[in-house]
Structure formats: C-alpha cells, structure tokens
C-alpha cells in the first residue's frame, strides 16, 4: 500500500506541501481556520497553531493542523429544549408541533446547510422529530477550538440523530477526548464541563438531560419540574443571550416581527404569526407577543426565575455559557 507523507512548513514567503506529487497551493487553504480538503487530507486549523493531534499509520504521517479525513467518532447526545417540553403532551417527551404543522424545513438552518428527506418527518411517537439542532466537538486542550460542527435532528425523547432521522450521529474527528456542545437556533447552547473520550468503535452517550451531568459554566441549563435539565429558551434574536427588558431584548424582537408580519394588516399586537420562526420560542409553530400562550411571557419567566437573578430584576440578562469559537 502506497505511503503518503505530509511535510508541513511555513515560510514568510509562502507555504509548501509534499503529497506524492500532489501540491496544495497556498490559495487552497482557508486562512480563517475552517476546513479544506486535498489528497484525502482534511485541513482543520490555521497554519502555525498548536498541534491538536499527531498520528502515524502505515499509510499516513500527520503533522500539526491536519487529520485524516477518514477519522470518525460516534456520539449520542441526549438533550431537551425547554420550549417544547414546558407543557408536554406526554411526560418526558417534547412536543413536536413544528413537525405536525409541516413547518420543519428539509434543509438545516445551520451553516452546513445539511439536508434530509421529507419522509423523515413522517415518523411519529417517541422518535418523531422536534427540530434541527447543531452539535460541535471542541479540542480537549482548548474548548474554544472547533474540531467539527454538524447539523443533526432531535427526537421527542431527546435523542440527537443523523439526518436520516434514526441513525447514530457520526462526526469527522480524531478518536480522542473532545468537549461536546449542543445548540439550537432560539435556545442557549450548552457544553460538557470536561472533555469526553469518543471513538468510532463505540457510541458514547452524552446526556445533557441528566441533572448530574456537569456542564460548562454556571446555570448552563434550566432545571425542569421533572428534575431533568434543558436548554434555556428565549433567544429570539440569535444573540446568544436572553433579555426581556432593555436594549436588544428578545420580547421586542417578537413584537417587531408580529407588527411587521404582512398578514397582520391591522397591526394588532395580539396577532399570531405562524411559520418556522426564531420568535416562536416554545416551538409550537406560532409566534405571539401578547395574549394567551404568548412567547414573551416565557422569556419574562426565565429572566425572573433564573438562579443568578436573585434580585428578580426584569432587565437581567441570561448569557450563553458556551465559549465563543477562536480558531
């Protein structure tokens, strides 16, 4: 079997690579720390950063900043979203109102634009799909370094699965320790407090619903009446914060959307907008600013009930505990 050897060197005048007569030009490398592929090698880091993984195999020599694109790990995150489990139709199951209303898109709302077959949303029961979620693996020596991020689907029972709606989530990453992060478009994300050993041969369960599971930061998740934990809901403007009153608050984001909805031709503050909306923080397919079952009250309740808001100040801000990516 032919051996591939990678030689990495950085010079002030350029960057060179030797790949058995294949050449990776400097222009082929994304300088933003994202990923590019060539010759079966996936480049995950900006040149000059600290090595995250060094591996040698009979067919590959790996230097810092590179991993074999065939490296995979299996991970089984379990998570609840507070919005659809606040008033569950069935105990311990999130509501799947978005799926029932045929509002979940077949293309992920996250940056990889992953797609699924529409038939995935015909599954009912415990494994019915609630929504798209985003899963990240971060470097064990620096939890701000992204190793891989991927769209996935969330079932009513909390299982995070691949885009076929049932399979275990497989991610491109070296089999070693990683921080695991789960996110949702209008809930605050959470990250494991410690790095977790992941491998391809064994599926590792990472249960964010277990109150005994340690997450990074204080009060990273809300404790439900059941004792389980869930991601905080209420980030209606995708700011990684939840704010009820004050500048850039999420309640106003809902109000502005309601009043700007073309269907609300009378500009009624009690109007209900329907769709796949950031402003729909309980994921019932309807965004409401005022009136029964409105989304603004969910935000207010989270602010006033948050353990860190011991003075019950309505201007309190709940911020994500997941560190920003710094690749």
C-alpha atoms as a PDB file:
ATOM      1  CA  UNK A   1       0.000   0.000   0.000  1.00  0.00           C
ATOM      2  CA  UNK A   2       1.406   3.371  -1.037  1.00  0.00           C
ATOM      3  CA  UNK A   3       2.520   5.568   1.836  1.00  0.00           C
ATOM      4  CA  UNK A   4       1.504   9.220   1.908  1.00  0.00           C
ATOM      5  CA  UNK A   5       3.849  11.593   3.638  1.00  0.00           C
ATOM      6  CA  UNK A   6       2.928  15.132   4.596  1.00  0.00           C
ATOM      7  CA  UNK A   7       5.605  17.750   5.083  1.00  0.00           C
ATOM      8  CA  UNK A   8       4.375  20.956   6.650  1.00  0.00           C
ATOM      9  CA  UNK A   9       6.475  24.070   6.683  1.00  0.00           C
ATOM     10  CA  UNK A  10       5.629  27.743   6.912  1.00  0.00           C
ATOM     11  CA  UNK A  11       7.869  30.415   5.467  1.00  0.00           C
ATOM     12  CA  UNK A  12       7.431  34.131   5.289  1.00  0.00           C
ATOM     13  CA  UNK A  13       7.206  33.813   1.518  1.00  0.00           C
ATOM     14  CA  UNK A  14       4.655  31.002   1.381  1.00  0.00           C
ATOM     15  CA  UNK A  15       3.571  27.568   2.464  1.00  0.00           C
ATOM     16  CA  UNK A  16       4.600  24.304   0.839  1.00  0.00           C
ATOM     17  CA  UNK A  17       3.324  20.735   0.959  1.00  0.00           C
ATOM     18  CA  UNK A  18       4.531  17.449  -0.476  1.00  0.00           C
ATOM     19  CA  UNK A  19       1.820  14.882  -1.184  1.00  0.00           C
ATOM     20  CA  UNK A  20       3.300  12.285  -3.538  1.00  0.00           C
ATOM     21  CA  UNK A  21       3.458  14.645  -6.480  1.00  0.00           C
ATOM     22  CA  UNK A  22       0.265  16.419  -5.408  1.00  0.00           C
ATOM     23  CA  UNK A  23       0.721  20.039  -4.421  1.00  0.00           C
ATOM     24  CA  UNK A  24      -1.579  22.077  -2.194  1.00  0.00           C
ATOM     25  CA  UNK A  25      -1.276  25.690  -3.166  1.00  0.00           C
ATOM     26  CA  UNK A  26      -1.435  28.412  -0.551  1.00  0.00           C
ATOM     27  CA  UNK A  27      -4.702  29.575  -2.103  1.00  0.00           C
ATOM     28  CA  UNK A  28      -6.208  26.160  -1.347  1.00  0.00           C
ATOM     29  CA  UNK A  29      -6.035  26.749   2.379  1.00  0.00           C
ATOM     30  CA  UNK A  30      -8.755  28.682   4.110  1.00  0.00           C
ATOM     31  CA  UNK A  31      -6.980  31.221   6.302  1.00  0.00           C
ATOM     32  CA  UNK A  32      -9.946  31.526   8.663  1.00  0.00           C
ATOM     33  CA  UNK A  33      -9.328  28.270  10.463  1.00  0.00           C
ATOM     34  CA  UNK A  34     -12.159  26.484   8.706  1.00  0.00           C
ATOM     35  CA  UNK A  35     -11.579  23.331   6.666  1.00  0.00           C
ATOM     36  CA  UNK A  36     -10.357  22.422   3.206  1.00  0.00           C
ATOM     37  CA  UNK A  37      -9.625  19.006   1.688  1.00  0.00           C
ATOM     38  CA  UNK A  38      -6.978  17.757  -0.711  1.00  0.00           C
ATOM     39  CA  UNK A  39      -5.427  14.383  -1.342  1.00  0.00           C
ATOM     40  CA  UNK A  40      -7.600  12.684   1.276  1.00  0.00           C
ATOM     41  CA  UNK A  41      -6.428  15.079   3.974  1.00  0.00           C
ATOM     42  CA  UNK A  42      -8.797  17.409   5.785  1.00  0.00           C
ATOM     43  CA  UNK A  43      -7.224  20.675   6.966  1.00  0.00           C
ATOM     44  CA  UNK A  44      -8.874  21.926  10.116  1.00  0.00           C
ATOM     45  CA  UNK A  45      -6.584  24.604  11.521  1.00  0.00           C
ATOM     46  CA  UNK A  46      -4.789  27.743  10.510  1.00  0.00           C
ATOM     47  CA  UNK A  47      -1.080  27.193   9.903  1.00  0.00           C
ATOM     48  CA  UNK A  48       1.037  27.931  12.949  1.00  0.00           C
ATOM     49  CA  UNK A  49      -1.450  26.891  15.610  1.00  0.00           C
ATOM     50  CA  UNK A  50      -0.678  24.375  18.325  1.00  0.00           C
ATOM     51  CA  UNK A  51      -0.983  20.751  17.226  1.00  0.00           C
ATOM     52  CA  UNK A  52      -4.152  19.068  18.365  1.00  0.00           C
ATOM     53  CA  UNK A  53      -3.415  15.580  17.052  1.00  0.00           C
ATOM     54  CA  UNK A  54      -0.301  13.838  15.765  1.00  0.00           C
ATOM     55  CA  UNK A  55      -0.759  10.376  14.288  1.00  0.00           C
ATOM     56  CA  UNK A  56       1.240   7.967  12.149  1.00  0.00           C
ATOM     57  CA  UNK A  57      -0.268   4.970  10.357  1.00  0.00           C
ATOM     58  CA  UNK A  58       1.070   2.595   7.690  1.00  0.00           C
ATOM     59  CA  UNK A  59      -0.451   4.864   5.051  1.00  0.00           C
ATOM     60  CA  UNK A  60      -0.262   8.292   6.585  1.00  0.00           C
ATOM     61  CA  UNK A  61       2.003  10.645   8.501  1.00  0.00           C
ATOM     62  CA  UNK A  62       0.170  13.547  10.107  1.00  0.00           C
ATOM     63  CA  UNK A  63       1.647  16.836  11.249  1.00  0.00           C
ATOM     64  CA  UNK A  64       0.084  19.605  13.290  1.00  0.00           C
ATOM     65  CA  UNK A  65      -3.072  21.143  11.932  1.00  0.00           C
ATOM     66  CA  UNK A  66      -4.039  18.058   9.922  1.00  0.00           C
ATOM     67  CA  UNK A  67      -6.152  14.989  10.489  1.00  0.00           C
ATOM     68  CA  UNK A  68      -7.051  12.092   8.280  1.00  0.00           C
ATOM     69  CA  UNK A  69     -10.485  12.855   6.830  1.00  0.00           C
ATOM     70  CA  UNK A  70     -11.434   9.212   7.393  1.00  0.00           C
ATOM     71  CA  UNK A  71     -11.237   9.625  11.192  1.00  0.00           C
ATOM     72  CA  UNK A  72     -14.729   9.390  12.642  1.00  0.00           C
ATOM     73  CA  UNK A  73     -16.311   9.181  16.060  1.00  0.00           C
ATOM     74  CA  UNK A  74     -19.790   8.141  17.132  1.00  0.00           C
ATOM     75  CA  UNK A  75     -21.623  10.243  19.665  1.00  0.00           C
ATOM     76  CA  UNK A  76     -25.149  10.024  21.065  1.00  0.00           C
ATOM     77  CA  UNK A  77     -26.088  13.390  22.584  1.00  0.00           C
ATOM     78  CA  UNK A  78     -29.330  13.490  24.543  1.00  0.00           C
ATOM     79  CA  UNK A  79     -30.899  16.899  25.108  1.00  0.00           C
ATOM     80  CA  UNK A  80     -34.147  18.669  25.863  1.00  0.00           C
ATOM     81  CA  UNK A  81     -35.259  22.030  24.565  1.00  0.00           C
ATOM     82  CA  UNK A  82     -37.140  23.962  27.220  1.00  0.00           C
ATOM     83  CA  UNK A  83     -39.642  25.472  24.782  1.00  0.00           C
ATOM     84  CA  UNK A  84     -41.368  22.303  23.577  1.00  0.00           C
ATOM     85  CA  UNK A  85     -41.179  20.490  26.943  1.00  0.00           C
ATOM     86  CA  UNK A  86     -42.618  23.206  29.189  1.00  0.00           C
ATOM     87  CA  UNK A  87     -46.162  21.892  28.668  1.00  0.00           C
ATOM     88  CA  UNK A  88     -45.619  18.426  27.210  1.00  0.00           C
ATOM     89  CA  UNK A  89     -48.481  16.450  25.716  1.00  0.00           C
ATOM     90  CA  UNK A  90     -46.757  13.364  27.117  1.00  0.00           C
ATOM     91  CA  UNK A  91     -44.467  13.319  30.179  1.00  0.00           C
ATOM     92  CA  UNK A  92     -40.729  13.277  29.335  1.00  0.00           C
ATOM     93  CA  UNK A  93     -41.424  13.853  25.633  1.00  0.00           C
ATOM     94  CA  UNK A  94     -41.027  17.176  23.876  1.00  0.00           C
ATOM     95  CA  UNK A  95     -43.931  18.357  21.772  1.00  0.00           C
ATOM     96  CA  UNK A  96     -43.453  18.013  18.024  1.00  0.00           C
ATOM     97  CA  UNK A  97     -45.829  20.780  16.937  1.00  0.00           C
ATOM     98  CA  UNK A  98     -43.477  22.022  14.210  1.00  0.00           C
ATOM     99  CA  UNK A  99     -43.430  18.585  12.611  1.00  0.00           C
ATOM    100  CA  UNK A 100     -47.202  18.142  12.916  1.00  0.00           C
ATOM    101  CA  UNK A 101     -47.725  21.519  11.234  1.00  0.00           C
ATOM    102  CA  UNK A 102     -45.278  20.550   8.459  1.00  0.00           C
ATOM    103  CA  UNK A 103     -43.063  23.530   9.250  1.00  0.00           C
ATOM    104  CA  UNK A 104     -39.622  21.936   9.722  1.00  0.00           C
ATOM    105  CA  UNK A 105     -37.536  22.550   6.585  1.00  0.00           C
ATOM    106  CA  UNK A 106     -35.672  19.737   4.852  1.00  0.00           C
ATOM    107  CA  UNK A 107     -32.594  21.999   4.781  1.00  0.00           C
ATOM    108  CA  UNK A 108     -30.903  22.728   8.099  1.00  0.00           C
ATOM    109  CA  UNK A 109     -30.993  26.339   9.364  1.00  0.00           C
ATOM    110  CA  UNK A 110     -27.331  25.980  10.386  1.00  0.00           C
ATOM    111  CA  UNK A 111     -24.188  26.801   8.483  1.00  0.00           C
ATOM    112  CA  UNK A 112     -23.559  23.411   6.859  1.00  0.00           C
ATOM    113  CA  UNK A 113     -26.947  23.516   5.068  1.00  0.00           C
ATOM    114  CA  UNK A 114     -27.410  19.791   5.646  1.00  0.00           C
ATOM    115  CA  UNK A 115     -30.494  18.250   4.093  1.00  0.00           C
ATOM    116  CA  UNK A 116     -32.828  15.393   4.896  1.00  0.00           C
ATOM    117  CA  UNK A 117     -35.602  13.572   3.085  1.00  0.00           C
ATOM    118  CA  UNK A 118     -39.102  14.855   3.822  1.00  0.00           C
ATOM    119  CA  UNK A 119     -40.086  11.320   4.784  1.00  0.00           C
ATOM    120  CA  UNK A 120     -38.039  11.757   7.982  1.00  0.00           C
ATOM    121  CA  UNK A 121     -40.828  13.979   9.288  1.00  0.00           C
ATOM    122  CA  UNK A 122     -43.455  11.259   8.828  1.00  0.00           C
ATOM    123  CA  UNK A 123     -42.074   9.353  11.831  1.00  0.00           C
ATOM    124  CA  UNK A 124     -44.388   9.607  14.846  1.00  0.00           C
ATOM    125  CA  UNK A 125     -44.213   8.634  18.515  1.00  0.00           C
ATOM    126  CA  UNK A 126     -41.128   8.885  20.743  1.00  0.00           C
ATOM    127  CA  UNK A 127     -38.787   9.202  17.749  1.00  0.00           C
ATOM    128  CA  UNK A 128     -40.736  11.945  15.977  1.00  0.00           C
ATOM    129  CA  UNK A 129     -38.525  14.881  15.020  1.00  0.00           C
ATOM    130  CA  UNK A 130     -38.827  18.077  17.054  1.00  0.00           C
ATOM    131  CA  UNK A 131     -36.372  20.268  15.127  1.00  0.00           C
ATOM    132  CA  UNK A 132     -32.879  20.651  13.737  1.00  0.00           C
ATOM    133  CA  UNK A 133     -30.023  21.090  16.247  1.00  0.00           C
ATOM    134  CA  UNK A 134     -26.294  21.794  15.962  1.00  0.00           C
ATOM    135  CA  UNK A 135     -23.576  19.625  17.563  1.00  0.00           C
ATOM    136  CA  UNK A 136     -19.941  20.624  17.979  1.00  0.00           C
ATOM    137  CA  UNK A 137     -16.790  18.845  19.067  1.00  0.00           C
ATOM    138  CA  UNK A 138     -14.052  21.046  20.505  1.00  0.00           C
ATOM    139  CA  UNK A 139     -10.391  20.428  21.263  1.00  0.00           C
ATOM    140  CA  UNK A 140      -9.601  18.848  24.617  1.00  0.00           C
ATOM    141  CA  UNK A 141      -6.714  21.268  25.205  1.00  0.00           C
ATOM    142  CA  UNK A 142      -8.727  24.391  24.288  1.00  0.00           C
ATOM    143  CA  UNK A 143     -12.519  24.465  24.403  1.00  0.00           C
ATOM    144  CA  UNK A 144     -12.601  27.488  22.091  1.00  0.00           C
ATOM    145  CA  UNK A 145     -11.100  25.437  19.232  1.00  0.00           C
ATOM    146  CA  UNK A 146     -13.684  23.868  16.935  1.00  0.00           C
ATOM    147  CA  UNK A 147     -12.831  20.397  15.671  1.00  0.00           C
ATOM    148  CA  UNK A 148     -16.092  19.726  13.862  1.00  0.00           C
ATOM    149  CA  UNK A 149     -19.651  21.037  13.796  1.00  0.00           C
ATOM    150  CA  UNK A 150     -22.644  19.327  12.275  1.00  0.00           C
ATOM    151  CA  UNK A 151     -26.403  19.623  11.868  1.00  0.00           C
ATOM    152  CA  UNK A 152     -28.471  16.848  13.382  1.00  0.00           C
ATOM    153  CA  UNK A 153     -32.102  16.075  14.183  1.00  0.00           C
ATOM    154  CA  UNK A 154     -33.680  15.981  17.629  1.00  0.00           C
ATOM    155  CA  UNK A 155     -36.280  13.350  18.518  1.00  0.00           C
ATOM    156  CA  UNK A 156     -39.096  13.876  21.030  1.00  0.00           C
ATOM    157  CA  UNK A 157     -37.386  11.639  23.608  1.00  0.00           C
ATOM    158  CA  UNK A 158     -34.224  13.775  23.461  1.00  0.00           C
ATOM    159  CA  UNK A 159     -32.065  11.614  21.210  1.00  0.00           C
ATOM    160  CA  UNK A 160     -29.945  13.532  18.699  1.00  0.00           C
ATOM    161  CA  UNK A 161     -29.662  11.554  15.473  1.00  0.00           C
ATOM    162  CA  UNK A 162     -28.282  11.787  11.953  1.00  0.00           C
ATOM    163  CA  UNK A 163     -30.196  13.341   9.080  1.00  0.00           C
ATOM    164  CA  UNK A 164     -31.952  10.070   8.248  1.00  0.00           C
ATOM    165  CA  UNK A 165     -33.887  10.593  11.482  1.00  0.00           C
ATOM    166  CA  UNK A 166     -32.780   7.394  13.210  1.00  0.00           C
ATOM    167  CA  UNK A 167     -29.045   6.651  12.888  1.00  0.00           C
ATOM    168  CA  UNK A 168     -26.326   7.408  15.429  1.00  0.00           C
ATOM    169  CA  UNK A 169     -24.547  10.689  14.813  1.00  0.00           C
ATOM    170  CA  UNK A 170     -21.106  10.203  13.255  1.00  0.00           C
ATOM    171  CA  UNK A 171     -18.693  13.124  13.109  1.00  0.00           C
ATOM    172  CA  UNK A 172     -15.325  13.657  11.439  1.00  0.00           C
ATOM    173  CA  UNK A 173     -12.847  13.947  14.280  1.00  0.00           C
ATOM    174  CA  UNK A 174      -9.873  12.010  15.655  1.00  0.00           C
ATOM    175  CA  UNK A 175     -10.784   9.336  18.214  1.00  0.00           C
ATOM    176  CA  UNK A 176      -9.729  11.056  21.422  1.00  0.00           C
ATOM    177  CA  UNK A 177     -11.124  13.405  24.058  1.00  0.00           C
ATOM    178  CA  UNK A 178     -13.389  16.269  22.971  1.00  0.00           C
ATOM    179  CA  UNK A 179     -15.703  18.780  24.559  1.00  0.00           C
ATOM    180  CA  UNK A 180     -19.257  18.212  23.307  1.00  0.00           C
ATOM    181  CA  UNK A 181     -21.527  21.180  22.569  1.00  0.00           C
ATOM    182  CA  UNK A 182     -25.246  21.179  21.706  1.00  0.00           C
ATOM    183  CA  UNK A 183     -27.046  24.221  20.325  1.00  0.00           C
ATOM    184  CA  UNK A 184     -30.445  25.285  18.994  1.00  0.00           C
ATOM    185  CA  UNK A 185     -31.427  28.325  16.965  1.00  0.00           C
ATOM    186  CA  UNK A 186     -33.518  30.068  19.689  1.00  0.00           C
ATOM    187  CA  UNK A 187     -32.274  28.308  22.837  1.00  0.00           C
ATOM    188  CA  UNK A 188     -28.941  28.898  24.578  1.00  0.00           C
ATOM    189  CA  UNK A 189     -26.374  26.170  23.906  1.00  0.00           C
ATOM    190  CA  UNK A 190     -24.559  24.065  26.488  1.00  0.00           C
ATOM    191  CA  UNK A 191     -21.137  22.382  26.605  1.00  0.00           C
ATOM    192  CA  UNK A 192     -19.801  19.490  28.638  1.00  0.00           C
ATOM    193  CA  UNK A 193     -17.711  20.689  31.570  1.00  0.00           C
ATOM    194  CA  UNK A 194     -14.978  18.167  30.792  1.00  0.00           C
ATOM    195  CA  UNK A 195     -13.715  16.648  27.577  1.00  0.00           C
ATOM    196  CA  UNK A 196     -15.190  13.230  26.802  1.00  0.00           C
ATOM    197  CA  UNK A 197     -13.461  10.258  25.170  1.00  0.00           C
ATOM    198  CA  UNK A 198     -15.041   9.483  21.785  1.00  0.00           C
ATOM    199  CA  UNK A 199     -14.287   6.654  19.376  1.00  0.00           C
ATOM    200  CA  UNK A 200     -15.559   5.116  16.162  1.00  0.00           C
ATOM    201  CA  UNK A 201     -15.994   1.608  17.538  1.00  0.00           C
ATOM    202  CA  UNK A 202     -18.177   2.615  20.480  1.00  0.00           C
ATOM    203  CA  UNK A 203     -21.062   5.074  20.593  1.00  0.00           C
ATOM    204  CA  UNK A 204     -20.614   7.446  23.522  1.00  0.00           C
ATOM    205  CA  UNK A 205     -23.767   8.730  25.214  1.00  0.00           C
ATOM    206  CA  UNK A 206     -23.589  12.359  26.357  1.00  0.00           C
ATOM    207  CA  UNK A 207     -26.761  13.037  28.336  1.00  0.00           C
ATOM    208  CA  UNK A 208     -27.410  16.750  28.757  1.00  0.00           C
ATOM    209  CA  UNK A 209     -30.854  15.996  30.265  1.00  0.00           C
ATOM    210  CA  UNK A 210     -29.304  14.356  33.329  1.00  0.00           C
ATOM    211  CA  UNK A 211     -29.055  16.886  36.163  1.00  0.00           C
ATOM    212  CA  UNK A 212     -25.956  15.021  37.388  1.00  0.00           C
ATOM    213  CA  UNK A 213     -24.173  15.717  34.094  1.00  0.00           C
ATOM    214  CA  UNK A 214     -21.739  18.590  34.545  1.00  0.00           C
ATOM    215  CA  UNK A 215     -21.996  21.397  32.010  1.00  0.00           C
ATOM    216  CA  UNK A 216     -19.547  24.248  31.494  1.00  0.00           C
ATOM    217  CA  UNK A 217     -20.369  27.465  33.350  1.00  0.00           C
ATOM    218  CA  UNK A 218     -22.994  28.291  35.947  1.00  0.00           C
ATOM    219  CA  UNK A 219     -26.671  27.505  35.317  1.00  0.00           C
ATOM    220  CA  UNK A 220     -25.944  26.470  31.747  1.00  0.00           C
ATOM    221  CA  UNK A 221     -29.337  24.775  31.556  1.00  0.00           C
ATOM    222  CA  UNK A 222     -32.745  25.214  33.171  1.00  0.00           C
ATOM    223  CA  UNK A 223     -33.922  22.618  35.694  1.00  0.00           C
ATOM    224  CA  UNK A 224     -37.380  21.357  34.744  1.00  0.00           C
ATOM    225  CA  UNK A 225     -40.138  20.380  37.189  1.00  0.00           C
ATOM    226  CA  UNK A 226     -39.241  16.760  36.430  1.00  0.00           C
ATOM    227  CA  UNK A 227     -35.689  17.328  37.683  1.00  0.00           C
ATOM    228  CA  UNK A 228     -34.271  16.930  34.176  1.00  0.00           C
ATOM    229  CA  UNK A 229     -32.354  19.735  32.523  1.00  0.00           C
ATOM    230  CA  UNK A 230     -32.965  21.523  29.220  1.00  0.00           C
ATOM    231  CA  UNK A 231     -31.501  24.315  27.131  1.00  0.00           C
ATOM    232  CA  UNK A 232     -32.864  27.744  28.106  1.00  0.00           C
ATOM    233  CA  UNK A 233     -35.381  29.089  25.591  1.00  0.00           C
ATOM    234  CA  UNK A 234     -35.929  32.705  24.600  1.00  0.00           C
ATOM    235  CA  UNK A 235     -33.109  33.755  22.270  1.00  0.00           C
ATOM    236  CA  UNK A 236     -35.496  35.228  19.713  1.00  0.00           C
ATOM    237  CA  UNK A 237     -32.869  37.402  18.002  1.00  0.00           C
ATOM    238  CA  UNK A 238     -29.992  34.885  17.813  1.00  0.00           C
ATOM    239  CA  UNK A 239     -27.738  36.960  20.081  1.00  0.00           C
ATOM    240  CA  UNK A 240     -26.676  34.115  22.408  1.00  0.00           C
ATOM    241  CA  UNK A 241     -28.459  35.982  25.188  1.00  0.00           C
ATOM    242  CA  UNK A 242     -31.976  36.087  26.604  1.00  0.00           C
ATOM    243  CA  UNK A 243     -33.214  39.569  27.500  1.00  0.00           C
ATOM    244  CA  UNK A 244     -36.750  40.575  28.463  1.00  0.00           C
ATOM    245  CA  UNK A 245     -36.325  44.309  29.072  1.00  0.00           C
ATOM    246  CA  UNK A 246     -33.681  46.753  27.937  1.00  0.00           C
ATOM    247  CA  UNK A 247     -31.565  47.162  24.817  1.00  0.00           C
ATOM    248  CA  UNK A 248     -31.795  44.442  22.136  1.00  0.00           C
ATOM    249  CA  UNK A 249     -34.355  42.492  24.148  1.00  0.00           C
ATOM    250  CA  UNK A 250     -35.969  39.372  22.768  1.00  0.00           C
ATOM    251  CA  UNK A 251     -39.517  40.394  23.678  1.00  0.00           C
ATOM    252  CA  UNK A 252     -39.221  43.369  21.328  1.00  0.00           C
ATOM    253  CA  UNK A 253     -37.880  41.076  18.619  1.00  0.00           C
ATOM    254  CA  UNK A 254     -41.141  39.149  18.852  1.00  0.00           C
ATOM    255  CA  UNK A 255     -43.223  42.338  18.899  1.00  0.00           C
ATOM    256  CA  UNK A 256     -41.415  43.774  15.874  1.00  0.00           C
ATOM    257  CA  UNK A 257     -41.938  40.581  13.921  1.00  0.00           C
ATOM    258  CA  UNK A 258     -45.639  40.452  14.802  1.00  0.00           C
ATOM    259  CA  UNK A 259     -46.234  44.088  13.819  1.00  0.00           C
ATOM    260  CA  UNK A 260     -44.186  43.673  10.645  1.00  0.00           C
ATOM    261  CA  UNK A 261     -45.940  40.494   9.523  1.00  0.00           C
ATOM    262  CA  UNK A 262     -47.594  41.270   6.150  1.00  0.00           C
ATOM    263  CA  UNK A 263     -50.586  39.184   7.219  1.00  0.00           C
ATOM    264  CA  UNK A 264     -51.137  41.475  10.223  1.00  0.00           C
ATOM    265  CA  UNK A 265     -52.638  44.274   8.124  1.00  0.00           C
ATOM    266  CA  UNK A 266     -54.420  45.784  11.148  1.00  0.00           C
ATOM    267  CA  UNK A 267     -51.155  45.925  13.163  1.00  0.00           C
ATOM    268  CA  UNK A 268     -52.740  44.069  16.063  1.00  0.00           C
ATOM    269  CA  UNK A 269     -50.373  43.495  18.977  1.00  0.00           C
ATOM    270  CA  UNK A 270     -52.279  40.285  19.750  1.00  0.00           C
ATOM    271  CA  UNK A 271     -51.762  38.917  16.229  1.00  0.00           C
ATOM    272  CA  UNK A 272     -50.278  35.405  15.915  1.00  0.00           C
ATOM    273  CA  UNK A 273     -47.640  34.805  13.248  1.00  0.00           C
ATOM    274  CA  UNK A 274     -47.180  31.259  12.006  1.00  0.00           C
ATOM    275  CA  UNK A 275     -44.160  29.576  10.474  1.00  0.00           C
ATOM    276  CA  UNK A 276     -40.673  28.298  11.228  1.00  0.00           C
ATOM    277  CA  UNK A 277     -39.708  31.341  13.264  1.00  0.00           C
ATOM    278  CA  UNK A 278     -36.932  32.372  15.653  1.00  0.00           C
ATOM    279  CA  UNK A 279     -39.594  34.322  17.527  1.00  0.00           C
ATOM    280  CA  UNK A 280     -41.532  31.118  18.281  1.00  0.00           C
ATOM    281  CA  UNK A 281     -39.587  30.228  21.423  1.00  0.00           C
ATOM    282  CA  UNK A 282     -41.850  27.356  22.545  1.00  0.00           C
ATOM    283  CA  UNK A 283     -41.722  25.793  19.058  1.00  0.00           C
ATOM    284  CA  UNK A 284     -45.486  25.427  18.634  1.00  0.00           C
ATOM    285  CA  UNK A 285     -45.365  26.986  15.176  1.00  0.00           C
ATOM    286  CA  UNK A 286     -46.867  30.296  16.363  1.00  0.00           C
ATOM    287  CA  UNK A 287     -45.119  33.487  17.497  1.00  0.00           C
ATOM    288  CA  UNK A 288     -47.178  35.594  19.922  1.00  0.00           C
ATOM    289  CA  UNK A 289     -46.163  38.808  21.659  1.00  0.00           C
ATOM    290  CA  UNK A 290     -49.348  39.385  23.652  1.00  0.00           C
ATOM    291  CA  UNK A 291     -52.374  37.346  24.671  1.00  0.00           C
ATOM    292  CA  UNK A 292     -52.799  33.734  25.836  1.00  0.00           C
ATOM    293  CA  UNK A 293     -49.812  31.397  25.461  1.00  0.00           C
ATOM    294  CA  UNK A 294     -47.576  34.233  24.264  1.00  0.00           C
ATOM    295  CA  UNK A 295     -43.840  33.709  23.804  1.00  0.00           C
ATOM    296  CA  UNK A 296     -42.862  36.934  25.556  1.00  0.00           C
ATOM    297  CA  UNK A 297     -44.067  35.591  28.895  1.00  0.00           C
ATOM    298  CA  UNK A 298     -41.766  32.601  28.549  1.00  0.00           C
ATOM    299  CA  UNK A 299     -38.844  34.973  28.236  1.00  0.00           C
ATOM    300  CA  UNK A 300     -40.017  37.036  31.212  1.00  0.00           C
ATOM    301  CA  UNK A 301     -40.456  33.924  33.356  1.00  0.00           C
ATOM    302  CA  UNK A 302     -36.958  32.678  32.527  1.00  0.00           C
ATOM    303  CA  UNK A 303     -35.453  36.042  33.437  1.00  0.00           C
ATOM    304  CA  UNK A 304     -37.300  36.349  36.746  1.00  0.00           C
ATOM    305  CA  UNK A 305     -36.795  32.694  37.721  1.00  0.00           C
ATOM    306  CA  UNK A 306     -33.126  32.432  36.739  1.00  0.00           C
ATOM    307  CA  UNK A 307     -30.984  31.335  39.727  1.00  0.00           C
ATOM    308  CA  UNK A 308     -28.486  34.088  39.002  1.00  0.00           C
ATOM    309  CA  UNK A 309     -31.141  36.810  39.139  1.00  0.00           C
ATOM    310  CA  UNK A 310     -31.525  36.793  42.917  1.00  0.00           C
ATOM    311  CA  UNK A 311     -32.952  40.344  42.913  1.00  0.00           C
ATOM    312  CA  UNK A 312     -35.612  39.429  40.309  1.00  0.00           C
ATOM    313  CA  UNK A 313     -34.601  42.305  38.062  1.00  0.00           C
ATOM    314  CA  UNK A 314     -36.552  42.308  34.738  1.00  0.00           C
ATOM    315  CA  UNK A 315     -33.508  43.753  32.949  1.00  0.00           C
ATOM    316  CA  UNK A 316     -31.342  40.758  33.918  1.00  0.00           C
ATOM    317  CA  UNK A 317     -29.546  39.057  31.010  1.00  0.00           C
ATOM    318  CA  UNK A 318     -29.085  35.300  30.632  1.00  0.00           C
ATOM    319  CA  UNK A 319     -25.971  34.694  28.533  1.00  0.00           C
ATOM    320  CA  UNK A 320     -24.761  31.515  26.913  1.00  0.00           C
ATOM    321  CA  UNK A 321     -22.082  29.662  28.851  1.00  0.00           C
ATOM    322  CA  UNK A 322     -20.554  28.178  25.698  1.00  0.00           C
ATOM    323  CA  UNK A 323     -17.237  29.917  24.940  1.00  0.00           C
ATOM    324  CA  UNK A 324     -17.009  31.625  21.537  1.00  0.00           C
ATOM    325  CA  UNK A 325     -15.015  29.802  18.876  1.00  0.00           C
ATOM    326  CA  UNK A 326     -11.475  31.117  18.458  1.00  0.00           C
ATOM    327  CA  UNK A 327      -9.887  29.147  15.622  1.00  0.00           C
END
